Amino acid sequence: MSDSRTTLQDLKAKMAEFVRERDWEQFHTPKNLSMSIAIEAAELMEHFQWLTVEQSKNLSPDALVDIGEELADIVIYSLSLANTLGLDMADTVLAKMEKNIRKYPSEQVRGKSHKYTYYKDAVAGDDNREPEI
């Protein structure tokens, strides 16, 4: 299996089977799964916590394995949450990307990192305000 040959549905089905075989549906509630995603995200952040920007771009092979496992945990819990809530992830992601395209028009935001509200205000004529942090 690789990214180029594995669909989201394949991964969701694999996750559903894994959960079902262990009788874990009882534990895979939206509350528990959302908390698990946040916990795994924090574990991912630990790998970068004290690194410089440059160090975070030049990771050792061992660090990449560990980081990949944390990222996989996040995706696994996300797929399980999608299964639990009956969300079609392809539709959900594509709809969110369309929303982001409208919020962040490329000709207006290229090379900038402000929150979308900054650009709304800029369109209204307040280009000189400081970005929100």
N, C-alpha and C. Protein backbone atom coordinates (compact mmCIF):
# COMPACT_ATOMS: atom_id res chain seq x y z
N MET A 1 0.85 -1.19 0.00
CA MET A 1 0.00 0.00 0.00
C MET A 1 0.89 1.25 0.00
N SER A 2 0.52 2.22 -0.77
CA SER A 2 1.23 3.49 -0.78
C SER A 2 0.21 4.59 -1.00
N ASP A 3 0.65 5.83 -0.77
CA ASP A 3 -0.26 6.97 -0.96
C ASP A 3 -0.88 6.98 -2.34
N SER A 4 -0.12 6.59 -3.35
CA SER A 4 -0.62 6.68 -4.72
C SER A 4 -1.64 5.58 -5.06
N ARG A 5 -1.70 4.53 -4.24
CA ARG A 5 -2.62 3.43 -4.54
C ARG A 5 -3.66 3.16 -3.46
N THR A 6 -3.57 3.84 -2.33
CA THR A 6 -4.47 3.57 -1.21
C THR A 6 -5.46 4.71 -1.08
N THR A 7 -6.73 4.38 -1.05
CA THR A 7 -7.75 5.41 -0.93
C THR A 7 -8.06 5.68 0.55
N LEU A 8 -8.69 6.81 0.79
CA LEU A 8 -9.16 7.09 2.15
C LEU A 8 -10.13 6.02 2.61
N GLN A 9 -10.98 5.55 1.71
CA GLN A 9 -11.92 4.49 2.07
C GLN A 9 -11.20 3.22 2.48
N ASP A 10 -10.10 2.89 1.79
CA ASP A 10 -9.30 1.73 2.18
C ASP A 10 -8.81 1.88 3.62
N LEU A 11 -8.29 3.04 3.93
CA LEU A 11 -7.78 3.30 5.28
C LEU A 11 -8.89 3.29 6.32
N LYS A 12 -10.03 3.91 5.98
CA LYS A 12 -11.17 3.92 6.91
C LYS A 12 -11.66 2.50 7.17
N ALA A 13 -11.72 1.68 6.13
CA ALA A 13 -12.17 0.30 6.28
C ALA A 13 -11.19 -0.49 7.15
N LYS A 14 -9.90 -0.29 6.93
CA LYS A 14 -8.87 -0.97 7.73
C LYS A 14 -9.00 -0.55 9.20
N MET A 15 -9.23 0.72 9.44
CA MET A 15 -9.39 1.22 10.81
C MET A 15 -10.65 0.65 11.45
N ALA A 16 -11.76 0.63 10.71
CA ALA A 16 -13.02 0.10 11.23
C ALA A 16 -12.86 -1.38 11.60
N GLU A 17 -12.18 -2.14 10.75
CA GLU A 17 -11.95 -3.55 11.02
C GLU A 17 -11.10 -3.73 12.28
N PHE A 18 -10.05 -2.95 12.41
CA PHE A 18 -9.16 -2.99 13.57
C PHE A 18 -9.96 -2.74 14.86
N VAL A 19 -10.79 -1.73 14.85
CA VAL A 19 -11.59 -1.37 16.02
C VAL A 19 -12.61 -2.47 16.32
N ARG A 20 -13.30 -2.93 15.29
CA ARG A 20 -14.34 -3.95 15.45
C ARG A 20 -13.77 -5.25 16.01
N GLU A 21 -12.61 -5.69 15.51
CA GLU A 21 -11.99 -6.93 15.96
C GLU A 21 -11.63 -6.89 17.44
N ARG A 22 -11.47 -5.72 17.99
CA ARG A 22 -11.08 -5.55 19.38
C ARG A 22 -12.24 -5.13 20.28
N ASP A 23 -13.43 -5.00 19.68
CA ASP A 23 -14.62 -4.54 20.40
C ASP A 23 -14.35 -3.19 21.07
N TRP A 24 -13.74 -2.29 20.31
CA TRP A 24 -13.41 -0.97 20.84
C TRP A 24 -14.42 0.10 20.44
N GLU A 25 -15.46 -0.27 19.68
CA GLU A 25 -16.46 0.74 19.31
C GLU A 25 -17.00 1.46 20.54
N GLN A 26 -17.13 0.70 21.64
CA GLN A 26 -17.65 1.28 22.89
C GLN A 26 -16.78 2.42 23.41
N PHE A 27 -15.51 2.43 23.08
CA PHE A 27 -14.59 3.46 23.55
C PHE A 27 -14.39 4.57 22.52
N HIS A 28 -14.70 4.26 21.26
CA HIS A 28 -14.44 5.21 20.18
C HIS A 28 -15.62 6.17 20.00
N THR A 29 -15.81 6.98 21.04
CA THR A 29 -16.84 8.02 21.00
C THR A 29 -16.22 9.29 20.43
N PRO A 30 -17.04 10.19 19.90
CA PRO A 30 -16.47 11.45 19.39
C PRO A 30 -15.63 12.19 20.43
N LYS A 31 -16.09 12.21 21.67
CA LYS A 31 -15.32 12.87 22.74
C LYS A 31 -13.95 12.23 22.91
N ASN A 32 -13.94 10.91 23.06
CA ASN A 32 -12.67 10.22 23.29
C ASN A 32 -11.73 10.33 22.10
N LEU A 33 -12.27 10.20 20.91
CA LEU A 33 -11.43 10.28 19.72
C LEU A 33 -10.87 11.68 19.50
N SER A 34 -11.69 12.70 19.73
CA SER A 34 -11.18 14.08 19.57
C SER A 34 -10.09 14.36 20.59
N MET A 35 -10.25 13.86 21.80
CA MET A 35 -9.21 14.03 22.82
C MET A 35 -7.94 13.28 22.42
N SER A 36 -8.10 12.10 21.86
CA SER A 36 -6.94 11.31 21.43
C SER A 36 -6.18 12.02 20.32
N ILE A 37 -6.89 12.66 19.41
CA ILE A 37 -6.23 13.43 18.35
C ILE A 37 -5.38 14.54 18.95
N ALA A 38 -5.96 15.26 19.92
CA ALA A 38 -5.22 16.36 20.56
C ALA A 38 -4.00 15.84 21.31
N ILE A 39 -4.14 14.72 21.98
CA ILE A 39 -3.02 14.14 22.73
C ILE A 39 -1.91 13.73 21.77
N GLU A 40 -2.27 13.08 20.68
CA GLU A 40 -1.26 12.66 19.70
C GLU A 40 -0.61 13.87 19.04
N ALA A 41 -1.38 14.93 18.80
CA ALA A 41 -0.80 16.15 18.23
C ALA A 41 0.23 16.74 19.19
N ALA A 42 -0.06 16.70 20.47
CA ALA A 42 0.91 17.18 21.46
C ALA A 42 2.17 16.32 21.45
N GLU A 43 2.01 15.00 21.30
CA GLU A 43 3.17 14.13 21.22
C GLU A 43 4.00 14.42 19.97
N LEU A 44 3.34 14.75 18.88
CA LEU A 44 4.05 15.15 17.66
C LEU A 44 4.84 16.44 17.91
N MET A 45 4.21 17.40 18.55
CA MET A 45 4.87 18.68 18.82
C MET A 45 6.11 18.52 19.70
N GLU A 46 6.09 17.53 20.59
CA GLU A 46 7.24 17.30 21.47
C GLU A 46 8.52 17.07 20.68
N HIS A 47 8.40 16.44 19.52
CA HIS A 47 9.59 16.16 18.71
C HIS A 47 10.24 17.44 18.19
N PHE A 48 9.48 18.51 18.10
CA PHE A 48 9.99 19.76 17.54
C PHE A 48 10.19 20.85 18.60
N GLN A 49 9.78 20.57 19.82
CA GLN A 49 9.67 21.59 20.86
C GLN A 49 10.90 22.47 21.01
N TRP A 50 12.07 21.93 21.07
CA TRP A 50 13.25 22.73 21.35
C TRP A 50 14.19 22.84 20.14
N LEU A 51 13.71 22.48 18.98
CA LEU A 51 14.52 22.57 17.78
C LEU A 51 14.44 23.97 17.18
N THR A 52 15.48 24.36 16.51
CA THR A 52 15.41 25.58 15.72
C THR A 52 14.63 25.26 14.44
N VAL A 53 14.26 26.28 13.71
CA VAL A 53 13.57 26.07 12.44
C VAL A 53 14.44 25.22 11.52
N GLU A 54 15.72 25.54 11.47
CA GLU A 54 16.64 24.80 10.60
C GLU A 54 16.74 23.34 11.03
N GLN A 55 16.85 23.08 12.32
CA GLN A 55 16.92 21.70 12.80
C GLN A 55 15.65 20.93 12.46
N SER A 56 14.51 21.61 12.53
CA SER A 56 13.24 20.93 12.25
C SER A 56 13.11 20.54 10.78
N LYS A 57 13.91 21.15 9.93
CA LYS A 57 13.89 20.82 8.50
C LYS A 57 14.92 19.75 8.13
N ASN A 58 15.80 19.43 9.05
CA ASN A 58 16.89 18.48 8.79
C ASN A 58 16.89 17.40 9.86
N LEU A 59 15.93 16.54 9.80
CA LEU A 59 15.75 15.52 10.83
C LEU A 59 16.49 14.24 10.48
N SER A 60 16.91 13.54 11.51
CA SER A 60 17.58 12.26 11.29
C SER A 60 16.57 11.21 10.84
N PRO A 61 17.05 10.15 10.21
CA PRO A 61 16.13 9.06 9.82
C PRO A 61 15.35 8.50 11.01
N ASP A 62 16.00 8.35 12.16
CA ASP A 62 15.31 7.84 13.34
C ASP A 62 14.22 8.79 13.81
N ALA A 63 14.51 10.09 13.77
CA ALA A 63 13.51 11.09 14.17
C ALA A 63 12.33 11.05 13.21
N LEU A 64 12.60 10.88 11.92
CA LEU A 64 11.51 10.81 10.94
C LEU A 64 10.60 9.60 11.19
N VAL A 65 11.18 8.49 11.60
CA VAL A 65 10.37 7.30 11.92
C VAL A 65 9.46 7.62 13.10
N ASP A 66 10.03 8.20 14.16
CA ASP A 66 9.23 8.53 15.35
C ASP A 66 8.15 9.55 15.02
N ILE A 67 8.48 10.56 14.25
CA ILE A 67 7.52 11.59 13.87
C ILE A 67 6.43 10.99 12.98
N GLY A 68 6.83 10.11 12.07
CA GLY A 68 5.86 9.43 11.22
C GLY A 68 4.86 8.62 12.03
N GLU A 69 5.32 7.99 13.09
CA GLU A 69 4.41 7.21 13.94
C GLU A 69 3.41 8.12 14.65
N GLU A 70 3.87 9.27 15.13
CA GLU A 70 2.95 10.20 15.78
C GLU A 70 1.94 10.74 14.77
N LEU A 71 2.41 11.07 13.59
CA LEU A 71 1.51 11.55 12.54
C LEU A 71 0.50 10.47 12.16
N ALA A 72 0.97 9.23 12.09
CA ALA A 72 0.07 8.11 11.79
C ALA A 72 -1.00 7.98 12.87
N ASP A 73 -0.61 8.14 14.13
CA ASP A 73 -1.60 8.08 15.22
C ASP A 73 -2.68 9.13 15.04
N ILE A 74 -2.29 10.33 14.63
CA ILE A 74 -3.26 11.41 14.41
C ILE A 74 -4.22 11.03 13.28
N VAL A 75 -3.66 10.52 12.20
CA VAL A 75 -4.49 10.12 11.05
C VAL A 75 -5.40 8.95 11.44
N ILE A 76 -4.87 7.98 12.17
CA ILE A 76 -5.65 6.82 12.59
C ILE A 76 -6.85 7.26 13.43
N TYR A 77 -6.61 8.11 14.42
CA TYR A 77 -7.73 8.59 15.24
C TYR A 77 -8.68 9.45 14.43
N SER A 78 -8.16 10.21 13.48
CA SER A 78 -9.02 11.03 12.64
C SER A 78 -9.92 10.17 11.76
N LEU A 79 -9.37 9.10 11.21
CA LEU A 79 -10.17 8.18 10.40
C LEU A 79 -11.23 7.49 11.25
N SER A 80 -10.86 7.12 12.46
CA SER A 80 -11.82 6.48 13.34
C SER A 80 -12.94 7.45 13.72
N LEU A 81 -12.59 8.71 13.94
CA LEU A 81 -13.61 9.73 14.23
C LEU A 81 -14.53 9.92 13.03
N ALA A 82 -13.95 9.95 11.84
CA ALA A 82 -14.77 10.06 10.62
C ALA A 82 -15.72 8.87 10.51
N ASN A 83 -15.23 7.68 10.81
CA ASN A 83 -16.08 6.49 10.79
C ASN A 83 -17.21 6.63 11.81
N THR A 84 -16.88 7.04 13.01
CA THR A 84 -17.86 7.15 14.09
C THR A 84 -18.94 8.17 13.76
N LEU A 85 -18.54 9.27 13.13
CA LEU A 85 -19.48 10.35 12.81
C LEU A 85 -20.12 10.19 11.43
N GLY A 86 -19.67 9.20 10.66
CA GLY A 86 -20.22 9.00 9.33
C GLY A 86 -19.82 10.08 8.35
N LEU A 87 -18.63 10.64 8.53
CA LEU A 87 -18.15 11.69 7.62
C LEU A 87 -17.41 11.09 6.44
N ASP A 88 -17.69 11.59 5.27
CA ASP A 88 -16.92 11.25 4.08
C ASP A 88 -15.74 12.21 4.04
N MET A 89 -14.55 11.70 4.29
CA MET A 89 -13.39 12.58 4.44
C MET A 89 -13.00 13.27 3.13
N ALA A 90 -13.14 12.61 2.01
CA ALA A 90 -12.81 13.27 0.74
C ALA A 90 -13.73 14.47 0.53
N ASP A 91 -15.03 14.27 0.71
CA ASP A 91 -15.96 15.40 0.57
C ASP A 91 -15.66 16.50 1.58
N THR A 92 -15.39 16.09 2.82
CA THR A 92 -15.13 17.06 3.89
C THR A 92 -13.87 17.87 3.62
N VAL A 93 -12.80 17.20 3.22
CA VAL A 93 -11.54 17.89 2.94
C VAL A 93 -11.68 18.80 1.73
N LEU A 94 -12.30 18.31 0.67
CA LEU A 94 -12.47 19.14 -0.53
C LEU A 94 -13.35 20.36 -0.25
N ALA A 95 -14.39 20.19 0.56
CA ALA A 95 -15.25 21.33 0.91
C ALA A 95 -14.46 22.35 1.74
N LYS A 96 -13.63 21.87 2.65
CA LYS A 96 -12.81 22.77 3.46
C LYS A 96 -11.79 23.49 2.59
N MET A 97 -11.20 22.79 1.64
CA MET A 97 -10.24 23.43 0.74
C MET A 97 -10.91 24.52 -0.09
N GLU A 98 -12.13 24.28 -0.57
CA GLU A 98 -12.86 25.31 -1.30
C GLU A 98 -13.10 26.54 -0.43
N LYS A 99 -13.46 26.30 0.83
CA LYS A 99 -13.65 27.40 1.77
C LYS A 99 -12.34 28.17 1.97
N ASN A 100 -11.23 27.45 2.12
CA ASN A 100 -9.92 28.08 2.30
C ASN A 100 -9.51 28.88 1.06
N ILE A 101 -9.85 28.36 -0.12
CA ILE A 101 -9.53 29.08 -1.36
C ILE A 101 -10.25 30.42 -1.38
N ARG A 102 -11.50 30.44 -0.92
CA ARG A 102 -12.25 31.70 -0.86
C ARG A 102 -11.70 32.63 0.23
N LYS A 103 -11.32 32.07 1.37
CA LYS A 103 -10.81 32.87 2.48
C LYS A 103 -9.42 33.42 2.20
N TYR A 104 -8.64 32.68 1.44
CA TYR A 104 -7.24 33.04 1.18
C TYR A 104 -6.97 33.07 -0.32
N PRO A 105 -7.49 34.08 -1.03
CA PRO A 105 -7.23 34.15 -2.49
C PRO A 105 -5.73 34.28 -2.76
N SER A 106 -5.21 33.41 -3.63
CA SER A 106 -3.76 33.35 -3.84
C SER A 106 -3.16 34.68 -4.27
N GLU A 107 -3.87 35.43 -5.08
CA GLU A 107 -3.31 36.71 -5.54
C GLU A 107 -3.20 37.73 -4.40
N GLN A 108 -3.93 37.51 -3.33
CA GLN A 108 -3.92 38.46 -2.20
C GLN A 108 -2.99 38.00 -1.07
N VAL A 109 -2.80 36.71 -0.92
CA VAL A 109 -2.10 36.21 0.26
C VAL A 109 -0.72 35.61 -0.03
N ARG A 110 -0.34 35.53 -1.27
CA ARG A 110 0.93 34.88 -1.63
C ARG A 110 2.08 35.43 -0.79
N GLY A 111 2.76 34.52 -0.10
CA GLY A 111 3.92 34.89 0.70
C GLY A 111 3.58 35.52 2.04
N LYS A 112 2.32 35.53 2.42
CA LYS A 112 1.90 36.14 3.69
C LYS A 112 1.28 35.07 4.58
N SER A 113 1.28 35.31 5.88
CA SER A 113 0.76 34.29 6.81
C SER A 113 -0.30 34.82 7.75
N HIS A 114 -0.93 35.92 7.41
CA HIS A 114 -1.95 36.49 8.28
C HIS A 114 -3.20 35.61 8.33
N LYS A 115 -3.97 35.78 9.40
CA LYS A 115 -5.26 35.12 9.52
C LYS A 115 -6.21 35.72 8.48
N TYR A 116 -7.20 34.94 8.04
CA TYR A 116 -8.10 35.38 6.97
C TYR A 116 -8.82 36.68 7.30
N THR A 117 -9.06 36.97 8.58
CA THR A 117 -9.76 38.21 8.94
C THR A 117 -8.94 39.44 8.56
N TYR A 118 -7.63 39.30 8.54
CA TYR A 118 -6.75 40.41 8.12
C TYR A 118 -7.05 40.80 6.68
N TYR A 119 -7.26 39.83 5.83
CA TYR A 119 -7.49 40.10 4.41
C TYR A 119 -8.89 40.68 4.18
N LYS A 120 -9.85 40.27 4.98
CA LYS A 120 -11.20 40.84 4.87
C LYS A 120 -11.14 42.33 5.18
N ASP A 121 -10.40 42.68 6.24
CA ASP A 121 -10.27 44.08 6.61
C ASP A 121 -9.46 44.86 5.57
N ALA A 122 -8.46 44.20 5.00
CA ALA A 122 -7.64 44.86 3.97
C ALA A 122 -8.49 45.18 2.75
N VAL A 123 -9.39 44.28 2.40
CA VAL A 123 -10.29 44.51 1.27
C VAL A 123 -11.20 45.69 1.58
N ALA A 124 -11.57 45.82 2.84
CA ALA A 124 -12.45 46.93 3.26
C ALA A 124 -11.69 48.25 3.33
N GLY A 125 -10.36 48.23 3.11
CA GLY A 125 -9.60 49.46 3.04
C GLY A 125 -8.66 49.71 4.19
N ASP A 126 -8.51 48.78 5.11
CA ASP A 126 -7.65 48.97 6.27
C ASP A 126 -6.37 48.14 6.10
N ASP A 127 -5.59 48.42 5.02
CA ASP A 127 -4.40 47.65 4.71
C ASP A 127 -3.27 47.82 5.71
N ASN A 128 -3.28 48.86 6.49
CA ASN A 128 -2.15 49.19 7.34
C ASN A 128 -2.22 48.59 8.74
N ARG A 129 -3.28 47.86 9.03
CA ARG A 129 -3.39 47.34 10.39
C ARG A 129 -2.44 46.18 10.59
N GLU A 130 -2.03 45.97 11.84
CA GLU A 130 -1.13 44.89 12.18
C GLU A 130 -1.87 43.57 12.15
N PRO A 131 -1.21 42.49 11.75
CA PRO A 131 -1.86 41.19 11.73
C PRO A 131 -2.14 40.70 13.14
N GLU A 132 -3.21 39.89 13.28
CA GLU A 132 -3.51 39.26 14.56
C GLU A 132 -2.55 38.11 14.77
N ILE A 133 -2.12 37.92 16.00
CA ILE A 133 -1.21 36.82 16.30
C ILE A 133 -1.89 35.90 17.27
